[in-house]
PDB file of N, CA and C in Angstrom:
ATOM      1  N   UNK A   1      -8.629  10.017  -5.422  1.00  0.00           N
ATOM      2  CA  UNK A   1      -8.066   8.873  -6.098  1.00  0.00           C
ATOM      3  C   UNK A   1      -7.819   7.780  -5.064  1.00  0.00           C
ATOM      4  N   UNK A   2      -8.186   6.551  -5.380  1.00  0.00           N
ATOM      5  CA  UNK A   2      -7.931   5.411  -4.511  1.00  0.00           C
ATOM      6  C   UNK A   2      -6.633   4.738  -4.931  1.00  0.00           C
ATOM      7  N   UNK A   3      -5.825   4.389  -3.930  1.00  0.00           N
ATOM      8  CA  UNK A   3      -4.560   3.703  -4.197  1.00  0.00           C
ATOM      9  C   UNK A   3      -4.515   2.442  -3.348  1.00  0.00           C
ATOM     10  N   UNK A   4      -4.129   1.332  -3.971  1.00  0.00           N
ATOM     11  CA  UNK A   4      -3.987   0.071  -3.267  1.00  0.00           C
ATOM     12  C   UNK A   4      -2.558  -0.419  -3.484  1.00  0.00           C
ATOM     13  N   UNK A   5      -1.930  -0.855  -2.411  1.00  0.00           N
ATOM     14  CA  UNK A   5      -0.581  -1.423  -2.497  1.00  0.00           C
ATOM     15  C   UNK A   5      -0.652  -2.856  -1.992  1.00  0.00           C
ATOM     16  N   UNK A   6      -0.060  -3.771  -2.753  1.00  0.00           N
ATOM     17  CA  UNK A   6       0.008  -5.163  -2.337  1.00  0.00           C
ATOM     18  C   UNK A   6       1.295  -5.387  -1.551  1.00  0.00           C
ATOM     19  N   UNK A   7       1.150  -5.925  -0.359  1.00  0.00           N
ATOM     20  CA  UNK A   7       2.288  -6.198   0.514  1.00  0.00           C
ATOM     21  C   UNK A   7       2.795  -7.605   0.235  1.00  0.00           C
ATOM     22  N   UNK A   8       4.041  -7.697  -0.158  1.00  0.00           N
ATOM     23  CA  UNK A   8       4.656  -8.987  -0.451  1.00  0.00           C
ATOM     24  C   UNK A   8       5.511  -9.453   0.731  1.00  0.00           C
ATOM     25  N   UNK A   9       5.049  -9.132   1.938  1.00  0.00           N
ATOM     26  CA  UNK A   9       5.722  -9.524   3.173  1.00  0.00           C
ATOM     27  C   UNK A   9       7.149  -8.996   3.262  1.00  0.00           C
ATOM     28  N   UNK A  10       7.342  -7.741   2.869  1.00  0.00           N
ATOM     29  CA  UNK A  10       8.658  -7.141   3.061  1.00  0.00           C
ATOM     30  C   UNK A  10       8.504  -5.763   3.700  1.00  0.00           C
ATOM     31  N   UNK A  11       9.567  -5.277   4.280  1.00  0.00           N
ATOM     32  CA  UNK A  11       9.510  -4.018   5.027  1.00  0.00           C
ATOM     33  C   UNK A  11       9.421  -2.801   4.119  1.00  0.00           C
ATOM     34  N   UNK A  12       9.788  -2.939   2.856  1.00  0.00           N
ATOM     35  CA  UNK A  12       9.774  -1.807   1.937  1.00  0.00           C
ATOM     36  C   UNK A  12       8.360  -1.324   1.636  1.00  0.00           C
ATOM     37  N   UNK A  13       7.393  -2.203   1.779  1.00  0.00           N
ATOM     38  CA  UNK A  13       5.997  -1.853   1.483  1.00  0.00           C
ATOM     39  C   UNK A  13       5.565  -0.621   2.255  1.00  0.00           C
ATOM     40  N   UNK A  14       5.848  -0.584   3.541  1.00  0.00           N
ATOM     41  CA  UNK A  14       5.355   0.536   4.344  1.00  0.00           C
ATOM     42  C   UNK A  14       6.141   1.817   4.098  1.00  0.00           C
ATOM     43  N   UNK A  15       7.357   1.716   3.568  1.00  0.00           N
ATOM     44  CA  UNK A  15       8.050   2.928   3.103  1.00  0.00           C
ATOM     45  C   UNK A  15       7.266   3.543   1.953  1.00  0.00           C
ATOM     46  N   UNK A  16       6.812   2.701   1.018  1.00  0.00           N
ATOM     47  CA  UNK A  16       6.002   3.185  -0.101  1.00  0.00           C
ATOM     48  C   UNK A  16       4.667   3.750   0.367  1.00  0.00           C
ATOM     49  N   UNK A  17       4.050   3.082   1.333  1.00  0.00           N
ATOM     50  CA  UNK A  17       2.757   3.537   1.858  1.00  0.00           C
ATOM     51  C   UNK A  17       2.899   4.919   2.472  1.00  0.00           C
ATOM     52  N   UNK A  18       3.885   5.115   3.317  1.00  0.00           N
ATOM     53  CA  UNK A  18       4.071   6.418   3.969  1.00  0.00           C
ATOM     54  C   UNK A  18       4.378   7.508   2.948  1.00  0.00           C
ATOM     55  N   UNK A  19       5.166   7.187   1.933  1.00  0.00           N
ATOM     56  CA  UNK A  19       5.487   8.170   0.903  1.00  0.00           C
ATOM     57  C   UNK A  19       4.234   8.534   0.095  1.00  0.00           C
ATOM     58  N   UNK A  20       3.462   7.540  -0.296  1.00  0.00           N
ATOM     59  CA  UNK A  20       2.251   7.791  -1.080  1.00  0.00           C
ATOM     60  C   UNK A  20       1.236   8.597  -0.276  1.00  0.00           C
ATOM     61  N   UNK A  21       1.071   8.275   1.008  1.00  0.00           N
ATOM     62  CA  UNK A  21       0.125   9.022   1.845  1.00  0.00           C
ATOM     63  C   UNK A  21       0.568  10.470   2.027  1.00  0.00           C
ATOM     64  N   UNK A  22       1.858  10.702   2.129  1.00  0.00           N
ATOM     65  CA  UNK A  22       2.363  12.069   2.273  1.00  0.00           C
ATOM     66  C   UNK A  22       2.129  12.882   1.004  1.00  0.00           C
ATOM     67  N   UNK A  23       2.276  12.247  -0.142  1.00  0.00           N
ATOM     68  CA  UNK A  23       2.090  12.950  -1.416  1.00  0.00           C
ATOM     69  C   UNK A  23       0.618  13.182  -1.710  1.00  0.00           C
ATOM     70  N   UNK A  24      -0.206  12.151  -1.481  1.00  0.00           N
ATOM     71  CA  UNK A  24      -1.624  12.217  -1.847  1.00  0.00           C
ATOM     72  C   UNK A  24      -2.506  12.856  -0.778  1.00  0.00           C
ATOM     73  N   UNK A  25      -2.016  12.904   0.452  1.00  0.00           N
ATOM     74  CA  UNK A  25      -2.808  13.389   1.589  1.00  0.00           C
ATOM     75  C   UNK A  25      -4.084  12.569   1.754  1.00  0.00           C
ATOM     76  N   UNK A  26      -3.976  11.285   1.476  1.00  0.00           N
ATOM     77  CA  UNK A  26      -5.082  10.341   1.621  1.00  0.00           C
ATOM     78  C   UNK A  26      -4.536   9.023   2.144  1.00  0.00           C
ATOM     79  N   UNK A  27      -5.441   8.225   2.730  1.00  0.00           N
ATOM     80  CA  UNK A  27      -5.055   6.911   3.220  1.00  0.00           C
ATOM     81  C   UNK A  27      -4.889   5.951   2.045  1.00  0.00           C
ATOM     82  N   UNK A  28      -3.846   5.150   2.104  1.00  0.00           N
ATOM     83  CA  UNK A  28      -3.571   4.143   1.083  1.00  0.00           C
ATOM     84  C   UNK A  28      -3.971   2.783   1.649  1.00  0.00           C
ATOM     85  N   UNK A  29      -4.696   2.002   0.856  1.00  0.00           N
ATOM     86  CA  UNK A  29      -5.107   0.664   1.280  1.00  0.00           C
ATOM     87  C   UNK A  29      -3.972  -0.321   1.028  1.00  0.00           C
ATOM     88  N   UNK A  30      -3.678  -1.147   2.039  1.00  0.00           N
ATOM     89  CA  UNK A  30      -2.612  -2.145   1.927  1.00  0.00           C
ATOM     90  C   UNK A  30      -3.223  -3.523   2.162  1.00  0.00           C
ATOM     91  N   UNK A  31      -2.932  -4.442   1.249  1.00  0.00           N
ATOM     92  CA  UNK A  31      -3.427  -5.809   1.354  1.00  0.00           C
ATOM     93  C   UNK A  31      -2.264  -6.766   1.180  1.00  0.00           C
ATOM     94  N   UNK A  32      -2.309  -7.881   1.896  1.00  0.00           N
ATOM     95  CA  UNK A  32      -1.296  -8.916   1.721  1.00  0.00           C
ATOM     96  C   UNK A  32      -1.519  -9.594   0.378  1.00  0.00           C
ATOM     97  N   UNK A  33      -0.433  -9.937  -0.287  1.00  0.00           N
ATOM     98  CA  UNK A  33      -0.540 -10.454  -1.656  1.00  0.00           C
ATOM     99  C   UNK A  33      -1.314 -11.762  -1.761  1.00  0.00           C
ATOM    100  N   UNK A  34      -1.357 -12.548  -0.704  1.00  0.00           N
ATOM    101  CA  UNK A  34      -2.088 -13.815  -0.779  1.00  0.00           C
ATOM    102  C   UNK A  34      -3.522 -13.705  -0.263  1.00  0.00           C
ATOM    103  N   UNK A  35      -3.967 -12.500   0.047  1.00  0.00           N
ATOM    104  CA  UNK A  35      -5.336 -12.291   0.513  1.00  0.00           C
ATOM    105  C   UNK A  35      -6.203 -11.593  -0.529  1.00  0.00           C
ATOM    106  N   UNK A  36      -5.637 -11.320  -1.691  1.00  0.00           N
ATOM    107  CA  UNK A  36      -6.366 -10.595  -2.733  1.00  0.00           C
ATOM    108  C   UNK A  36      -6.386 -11.438  -3.998  1.00  0.00           C
ATOM    109  N   UNK A  37      -7.556 -11.544  -4.596  1.00  0.00           N
ATOM    110  CA  UNK A  37      -7.685 -12.214  -5.890  1.00  0.00           C
ATOM    111  C   UNK A  37      -8.051 -11.150  -6.908  1.00  0.00           C
ATOM    112  N   UNK A  38      -7.191 -10.978  -7.902  1.00  0.00           N
ATOM    113  CA  UNK A  38      -7.439  -9.974  -8.940  1.00  0.00           C
ATOM    114  C   UNK A  38      -7.939 -10.627 -10.206  1.00  0.00           C
TER     115      UNK A  38
END
């Protein structure tokens, strides 16, 4: 499963990233919110 987290320039983002990677045992992609067009 692929997981992407949008970073809104706050420190909490990487807490979520580390938690998700520990649960999924996979790398989580992190992108800055102003660098992604959805």
